[in-house]
Amino acid sequence: MKYIIADPDIQNGIDLKKILDGYEIPDFQGSFTTLSATENYCLEHPPDMAFIRLEKAELNAFRLAGKVKELNPFSRVIFVGSQKESAVEAFEYEADGFLLVPFDKKKIGQLLNQVSERKNIKVGLLKDYRGK
């Protein structure tokens, strides 16, 4: 499963990727900080899953989500936001999920399992830190 992260806050993208690296989600495609960079990349490499930051003018999250779905109707869009109220807006858009910043590993795991069940993809459990 190919996935991208679109967030103008570089540290949020790094933090999310670190958590996602703990799961067996293959094929991280990249982290992007602007709408144009993300759209340009997606034109050539439509992702299966996109983590898109709400509340940031640099991204225009709903336009980007629409483009991702247009390029791959089976893509899963998960919005990321720093305010709980943003979840309502995300689900009104029919998002596949919403993550609150700061990130919660357990909630990310639950969300990944829900999304993968809908797509019939098995996401591995959090890797054991001893390499198992």
N, C-alpha and C. Protein backbone atom coordinates (compact mmCIF):
# COMPACT_ATOMS: atom_id res chain seq x y z
N MET A 1 0.84 -1.17 0.00
CA MET A 1 0.00 0.00 0.00
C MET A 1 0.89 1.24 0.00
N LYS A 2 0.70 2.10 -0.98
CA LYS A 2 1.47 3.34 -1.08
C LYS A 2 0.76 4.44 -0.29
N TYR A 3 1.53 5.18 0.50
CA TYR A 3 0.91 6.27 1.23
C TYR A 3 1.80 7.50 1.24
N ILE A 4 1.12 8.66 1.39
CA ILE A 4 1.81 9.95 1.48
C ILE A 4 1.34 10.67 2.74
N ILE A 5 2.14 11.65 3.13
CA ILE A 5 1.78 12.56 4.21
C ILE A 5 1.86 13.97 3.64
N ALA A 6 0.79 14.75 3.81
CA ALA A 6 0.77 16.14 3.35
C ALA A 6 0.50 17.04 4.56
N ASP A 7 1.53 17.72 5.01
CA ASP A 7 1.41 18.58 6.19
C ASP A 7 2.48 19.67 6.12
N PRO A 8 2.08 20.95 6.12
CA PRO A 8 3.06 22.04 6.08
C PRO A 8 4.00 22.05 7.29
N ASP A 9 3.56 21.46 8.38
CA ASP A 9 4.41 21.37 9.57
C ASP A 9 5.30 20.14 9.43
N ILE A 10 6.54 20.35 9.07
CA ILE A 10 7.47 19.26 8.80
C ILE A 10 7.59 18.31 9.98
N GLN A 11 7.62 18.85 11.19
CA GLN A 11 7.77 17.99 12.37
C GLN A 11 6.58 17.05 12.55
N ASN A 12 5.37 17.53 12.27
CA ASN A 12 4.19 16.65 12.34
C ASN A 12 4.33 15.49 11.36
N GLY A 13 4.81 15.78 10.16
CA GLY A 13 5.01 14.73 9.17
C GLY A 13 6.03 13.71 9.64
N ILE A 14 7.10 14.19 10.24
CA ILE A 14 8.14 13.29 10.77
C ILE A 14 7.57 12.44 11.90
N ASP A 15 6.84 13.07 12.81
CA ASP A 15 6.26 12.34 13.94
C ASP A 15 5.28 11.26 13.47
N LEU A 16 4.43 11.59 12.50
CA LEU A 16 3.47 10.62 12.00
C LEU A 16 4.19 9.47 11.30
N LYS A 17 5.18 9.78 10.50
CA LYS A 17 5.91 8.73 9.79
C LYS A 17 6.60 7.78 10.78
N LYS A 18 7.16 8.31 11.85
CA LYS A 18 7.81 7.46 12.85
C LYS A 18 6.82 6.46 13.43
N ILE A 19 5.62 6.92 13.71
CA ILE A 19 4.60 6.01 14.25
C ILE A 19 4.20 4.99 13.18
N LEU A 20 3.97 5.46 11.96
CA LEU A 20 3.56 4.55 10.89
C LEU A 20 4.65 3.53 10.57
N ASP A 21 5.91 3.91 10.76
CA ASP A 21 7.01 2.97 10.54
C ASP A 21 6.92 1.76 11.47
N GLY A 22 6.20 1.91 12.58
CA GLY A 22 6.03 0.81 13.51
C GLY A 22 5.02 -0.23 13.04
N TYR A 23 4.35 0.05 11.94
CA TYR A 23 3.38 -0.87 11.37
C TYR A 23 3.91 -1.37 10.04
N GLU A 24 3.39 -2.49 9.63
CA GLU A 24 3.83 -3.07 8.37
C GLU A 24 3.04 -2.47 7.21
N ILE A 25 3.22 -1.18 7.02
CA ILE A 25 2.59 -0.48 5.90
C ILE A 25 3.70 -0.20 4.90
N PRO A 26 3.72 -0.93 3.84
CA PRO A 26 4.82 -0.74 2.89
C PRO A 26 4.69 0.53 2.06
N ASP A 27 5.77 0.92 1.49
CA ASP A 27 5.81 1.89 0.42
C ASP A 27 5.41 3.32 0.80
N PHE A 28 6.16 3.89 1.74
CA PHE A 28 6.02 5.31 2.04
C PHE A 28 6.49 6.07 0.80
N GLN A 29 5.64 6.93 0.27
CA GLN A 29 5.94 7.65 -0.97
C GLN A 29 6.58 9.01 -0.74
N GLY A 30 6.31 9.62 0.40
CA GLY A 30 6.91 10.92 0.65
C GLY A 30 6.04 11.80 1.52
N SER A 31 6.66 12.86 2.01
CA SER A 31 6.00 13.84 2.83
C SER A 31 6.08 15.18 2.09
N PHE A 32 4.96 15.88 2.02
CA PHE A 32 4.88 17.11 1.24
C PHE A 32 4.33 18.24 2.09
N THR A 33 4.78 19.46 1.81
CA THR A 33 4.37 20.60 2.63
C THR A 33 3.50 21.61 1.89
N THR A 34 3.31 21.44 0.59
CA THR A 34 2.47 22.38 -0.17
C THR A 34 1.49 21.63 -1.05
N LEU A 35 0.42 22.32 -1.40
CA LEU A 35 -0.59 21.75 -2.28
C LEU A 35 0.00 21.40 -3.64
N SER A 36 0.74 22.31 -4.24
CA SER A 36 1.26 22.06 -5.59
C SER A 36 2.23 20.88 -5.62
N ALA A 37 3.12 20.78 -4.64
CA ALA A 37 4.06 19.66 -4.61
C ALA A 37 3.33 18.34 -4.45
N THR A 38 2.31 18.32 -3.60
CA THR A 38 1.56 17.08 -3.38
C THR A 38 0.77 16.71 -4.63
N GLU A 39 0.08 17.67 -5.22
CA GLU A 39 -0.69 17.39 -6.44
C GLU A 39 0.22 16.90 -7.57
N ASN A 40 1.34 17.56 -7.76
CA ASN A 40 2.25 17.16 -8.83
C ASN A 40 2.74 15.73 -8.63
N TYR A 41 3.07 15.38 -7.41
CA TYR A 41 3.52 14.02 -7.14
C TYR A 41 2.40 13.00 -7.39
N CYS A 42 1.20 13.33 -6.90
CA CYS A 42 0.07 12.40 -7.02
C CYS A 42 -0.35 12.17 -8.47
N LEU A 43 -0.13 13.14 -9.33
CA LEU A 43 -0.45 12.95 -10.75
C LEU A 43 0.31 11.78 -11.34
N GLU A 44 1.54 11.62 -10.94
CA GLU A 44 2.39 10.52 -11.44
C GLU A 44 2.29 9.27 -10.58
N HIS A 45 2.00 9.43 -9.29
CA HIS A 45 2.02 8.31 -8.34
C HIS A 45 0.81 8.38 -7.41
N PRO A 46 -0.38 8.07 -7.90
CA PRO A 46 -1.56 8.16 -7.02
C PRO A 46 -1.41 7.22 -5.81
N PRO A 47 -1.56 7.77 -4.61
CA PRO A 47 -1.39 6.93 -3.41
C PRO A 47 -2.63 6.09 -3.11
N ASP A 48 -2.42 5.04 -2.33
CA ASP A 48 -3.54 4.24 -1.84
C ASP A 48 -4.12 4.86 -0.57
N MET A 49 -3.27 5.63 0.13
CA MET A 49 -3.70 6.28 1.37
C MET A 49 -2.99 7.62 1.49
N ALA A 50 -3.74 8.63 1.90
CA ALA A 50 -3.15 9.96 2.07
C ALA A 50 -3.54 10.51 3.43
N PHE A 51 -2.53 10.94 4.18
CA PHE A 51 -2.73 11.63 5.45
C PHE A 51 -2.59 13.12 5.15
N ILE A 52 -3.70 13.87 5.26
CA ILE A 52 -3.72 15.27 4.82
C ILE A 52 -4.10 16.17 5.99
N ARG A 53 -3.29 17.20 6.20
CA ARG A 53 -3.50 18.14 7.31
C ARG A 53 -4.59 19.13 6.98
N LEU A 54 -5.55 19.25 7.88
CA LEU A 54 -6.58 20.28 7.80
C LEU A 54 -6.04 21.55 8.44
N GLU A 55 -6.77 22.62 8.34
CA GLU A 55 -6.48 23.87 9.05
C GLU A 55 -5.25 24.61 8.53
N LYS A 56 -4.72 24.23 7.39
CA LYS A 56 -3.52 24.89 6.88
C LYS A 56 -3.81 25.38 5.45
N ALA A 57 -3.72 26.68 5.26
CA ALA A 57 -4.01 27.27 3.95
C ALA A 57 -3.07 26.77 2.86
N GLU A 58 -1.83 26.42 3.24
CA GLU A 58 -0.84 25.97 2.25
C GLU A 58 -1.28 24.70 1.52
N LEU A 59 -2.19 23.95 2.12
CA LEU A 59 -2.59 22.67 1.53
C LEU A 59 -3.94 22.68 0.84
N ASN A 60 -4.90 23.44 1.34
CA ASN A 60 -6.27 23.35 0.84
C ASN A 60 -6.67 21.87 0.85
N ALA A 61 -6.83 21.34 2.05
CA ALA A 61 -7.00 19.91 2.29
C ALA A 61 -8.12 19.26 1.47
N PHE A 62 -9.25 19.92 1.34
CA PHE A 62 -10.36 19.29 0.64
C PHE A 62 -10.11 19.24 -0.86
N ARG A 63 -9.47 20.25 -1.39
CA ARG A 63 -9.11 20.22 -2.81
C ARG A 63 -8.12 19.06 -3.05
N LEU A 64 -7.13 18.95 -2.18
CA LEU A 64 -6.14 17.88 -2.31
C LEU A 64 -6.80 16.51 -2.18
N ALA A 65 -7.68 16.35 -1.21
CA ALA A 65 -8.38 15.07 -1.03
C ALA A 65 -9.20 14.73 -2.27
N GLY A 66 -9.85 15.73 -2.84
CA GLY A 66 -10.61 15.50 -4.08
C GLY A 66 -9.72 15.04 -5.22
N LYS A 67 -8.55 15.62 -5.33
CA LYS A 67 -7.60 15.24 -6.39
C LYS A 67 -7.12 13.80 -6.17
N VAL A 68 -6.81 13.46 -4.93
CA VAL A 68 -6.35 12.10 -4.62
C VAL A 68 -7.44 11.09 -5.01
N LYS A 69 -8.69 11.38 -4.63
CA LYS A 69 -9.80 10.47 -4.95
C LYS A 69 -10.07 10.42 -6.46
N GLU A 70 -9.87 11.54 -7.13
CA GLU A 70 -10.07 11.59 -8.58
C GLU A 70 -9.05 10.69 -9.28
N LEU A 71 -7.82 10.75 -8.83
CA LEU A 71 -6.75 9.97 -9.45
C LEU A 71 -6.83 8.48 -9.10
N ASN A 72 -7.33 8.17 -7.91
CA ASN A 72 -7.49 6.78 -7.48
C ASN A 72 -8.73 6.72 -6.59
N PRO A 73 -9.89 6.37 -7.17
CA PRO A 73 -11.14 6.36 -6.41
C PRO A 73 -11.11 5.43 -5.19
N PHE A 74 -10.17 4.50 -5.15
CA PHE A 74 -10.08 3.57 -4.04
C PHE A 74 -9.13 4.05 -2.95
N SER A 75 -8.54 5.22 -3.14
CA SER A 75 -7.64 5.78 -2.13
C SER A 75 -8.40 6.05 -0.83
N ARG A 76 -7.68 5.95 0.26
CA ARG A 76 -8.22 6.27 1.57
C ARG A 76 -7.64 7.62 1.99
N VAL A 77 -8.51 8.53 2.42
CA VAL A 77 -8.08 9.86 2.86
C VAL A 77 -8.30 9.96 4.36
N ILE A 78 -7.22 10.23 5.06
CA ILE A 78 -7.27 10.41 6.50
C ILE A 78 -6.82 11.83 6.79
N PHE A 79 -7.71 12.62 7.37
CA PHE A 79 -7.37 13.99 7.69
C PHE A 79 -6.71 14.05 9.06
N VAL A 80 -5.83 15.03 9.21
CA VAL A 80 -5.09 15.26 10.44
C VAL A 80 -5.40 16.68 10.88
N GLY A 81 -5.68 16.87 12.16
CA GLY A 81 -5.98 18.21 12.64
C GLY A 81 -5.62 18.38 14.11
N SER A 82 -5.49 19.63 14.52
CA SER A 82 -5.12 19.92 15.90
C SER A 82 -6.33 20.29 16.76
N GLN A 83 -7.51 20.33 16.16
CA GLN A 83 -8.72 20.68 16.90
C GLN A 83 -9.77 19.59 16.70
N LYS A 84 -10.37 19.15 17.79
CA LYS A 84 -11.38 18.10 17.71
C LYS A 84 -12.52 18.50 16.78
N GLU A 85 -12.84 19.78 16.75
CA GLU A 85 -13.93 20.27 15.92
C GLU A 85 -13.68 19.99 14.43
N SER A 86 -12.42 19.87 14.06
CA SER A 86 -12.08 19.60 12.65
C SER A 86 -12.54 18.22 12.21
N ALA A 87 -12.72 17.32 13.16
CA ALA A 87 -13.18 15.97 12.83
C ALA A 87 -14.57 16.00 12.19
N VAL A 88 -15.42 16.88 12.68
CA VAL A 88 -16.77 16.99 12.12
C VAL A 88 -16.68 17.37 10.65
N GLU A 89 -15.88 18.38 10.37
CA GLU A 89 -15.70 18.83 8.99
C GLU A 89 -15.11 17.71 8.13
N ALA A 90 -14.15 16.97 8.67
CA ALA A 90 -13.52 15.87 7.93
C ALA A 90 -14.54 14.80 7.57
N PHE A 91 -15.36 14.42 8.52
CA PHE A 91 -16.33 13.36 8.26
C PHE A 91 -17.50 13.83 7.40
N GLU A 92 -17.79 15.13 7.43
CA GLU A 92 -18.79 15.67 6.50
C GLU A 92 -18.28 15.52 5.07
N TYR A 93 -16.96 15.56 4.91
CA TYR A 93 -16.35 15.36 3.60
C TYR A 93 -16.29 13.88 3.25
N GLU A 94 -16.68 13.01 4.16
CA GLU A 94 -16.63 11.56 3.99
C GLU A 94 -15.21 11.03 4.04
N ALA A 95 -14.44 11.55 4.98
CA ALA A 95 -13.07 11.07 5.19
C ALA A 95 -13.11 9.62 5.67
N ASP A 96 -12.03 8.93 5.44
CA ASP A 96 -11.90 7.55 5.92
C ASP A 96 -11.39 7.52 7.35
N GLY A 97 -10.96 8.67 7.84
CA GLY A 97 -10.48 8.73 9.22
C GLY A 97 -10.01 10.12 9.57
N PHE A 98 -9.79 10.32 10.87
CA PHE A 98 -9.30 11.60 11.38
C PHE A 98 -8.33 11.32 12.52
N LEU A 99 -7.18 11.98 12.49
CA LEU A 99 -6.18 11.86 13.55
C LEU A 99 -5.98 13.22 14.20
N LEU A 100 -5.97 13.22 15.51
CA LEU A 100 -5.76 14.44 16.26
C LEU A 100 -4.28 14.60 16.60
N VAL A 101 -3.77 15.83 16.42
CA VAL A 101 -2.40 16.15 16.79
C VAL A 101 -2.44 16.69 18.21
N PRO A 102 -1.61 16.27 19.15
CA PRO A 102 -0.51 15.32 18.98
C PRO A 102 -1.04 13.89 18.79
N PHE A 103 -0.23 13.09 18.11
CA PHE A 103 -0.64 11.76 17.71
C PHE A 103 -0.67 10.78 18.88
N ASP A 104 -1.60 9.84 18.79
CA ASP A 104 -1.75 8.78 19.77
C ASP A 104 -1.53 7.45 19.03
N LYS A 105 -0.47 6.72 19.38
CA LYS A 105 -0.12 5.48 18.68
C LYS A 105 -1.27 4.48 18.67
N LYS A 106 -1.95 4.35 19.79
CA LYS A 106 -3.04 3.38 19.89
C LYS A 106 -4.17 3.74 18.93
N LYS A 107 -4.52 5.02 18.88
CA LYS A 107 -5.60 5.45 17.98
C LYS A 107 -5.20 5.29 16.52
N ILE A 108 -3.94 5.53 16.21
CA ILE A 108 -3.48 5.33 14.84
C ILE A 108 -3.60 3.86 14.47
N GLY A 109 -3.22 2.97 15.38
CA GLY A 109 -3.34 1.54 15.13
C GLY A 109 -4.78 1.12 14.89
N GLN A 110 -5.69 1.64 15.71
CA GLN A 110 -7.11 1.32 15.53
C GLN A 110 -7.62 1.82 14.18
N LEU A 111 -7.22 3.04 13.83
CA LEU A 111 -7.65 3.60 12.56
C LEU A 111 -7.11 2.80 11.39
N LEU A 112 -5.85 2.42 11.44
CA LEU A 112 -5.26 1.62 10.36
C LEU A 112 -5.99 0.29 10.21
N ASN A 113 -6.35 -0.33 11.31
CA ASN A 113 -7.08 -1.59 11.23
C ASN A 113 -8.46 -1.39 10.61
N GLN A 114 -9.15 -0.31 10.97
CA GLN A 114 -10.46 -0.03 10.39
C GLN A 114 -10.35 0.21 8.88
N VAL A 115 -9.38 1.01 8.50
CA VAL A 115 -9.21 1.34 7.08
C VAL A 115 -8.81 0.10 6.30
N SER A 116 -7.92 -0.71 6.86
CA SER A 116 -7.46 -1.90 6.14
C SER A 116 -8.58 -2.93 6.02
N GLU A 117 -9.45 -3.02 7.02
CA GLU A 117 -10.58 -3.95 6.94
C GLU A 117 -11.51 -3.56 5.80
N ARG A 118 -11.71 -2.27 5.63
CA ARG A 118 -12.56 -1.80 4.53
C ARG A 118 -11.93 -2.07 3.18
N LYS A 119 -10.62 -2.16 3.16
CA LYS A 119 -9.91 -2.38 1.90
C LYS A 119 -9.45 -3.82 1.75
N ASN A 120 -9.75 -4.66 2.74
CA ASN A 120 -9.31 -6.05 2.74
C ASN A 120 -7.80 -6.18 2.68
N ILE A 121 -7.12 -5.34 3.43
CA ILE A 121 -5.65 -5.38 3.53
C ILE A 121 -5.33 -5.64 4.98
N LYS A 122 -4.39 -6.52 5.21
CA LYS A 122 -3.98 -6.76 6.59
C LYS A 122 -2.81 -5.86 6.93
N VAL A 123 -2.98 -5.09 7.99
CA VAL A 123 -1.91 -4.23 8.48
C VAL A 123 -1.31 -4.93 9.68
N GLY A 124 0.00 -5.10 9.66
CA GLY A 124 0.67 -5.79 10.76
C GLY A 124 0.56 -5.01 12.05
N LEU A 125 0.56 -5.75 13.13
CA LEU A 125 0.54 -5.11 14.44
C LEU A 125 1.84 -4.36 14.66
N LEU A 126 1.81 -3.48 15.63
CA LEU A 126 3.00 -2.72 15.97
C LEU A 126 4.16 -3.65 16.18
N LYS A 127 5.26 -3.37 15.52
CA LYS A 127 6.44 -4.23 15.62
C LYS A 127 6.98 -4.23 17.04
N ASP A 128 7.44 -5.36 17.46
CA ASP A 128 8.08 -5.50 18.77
C ASP A 128 9.43 -4.79 18.68
N TYR A 129 9.73 -3.98 19.66
CA TYR A 129 10.97 -3.20 19.62
C TYR A 129 12.22 -4.07 19.70
N ARG A 130 12.07 -5.37 19.97
CA ARG A 130 13.22 -6.27 19.99
C ARG A 130 13.43 -6.88 18.61
N GLY A 131 12.68 -6.41 17.63
CA GLY A 131 12.86 -6.88 16.26
C GLY A 131 12.01 -8.07 15.90
N LYS A 132 11.06 -8.43 16.74
CA LYS A 132 10.21 -9.59 16.46
C LYS A 132 9.00 -9.18 15.68
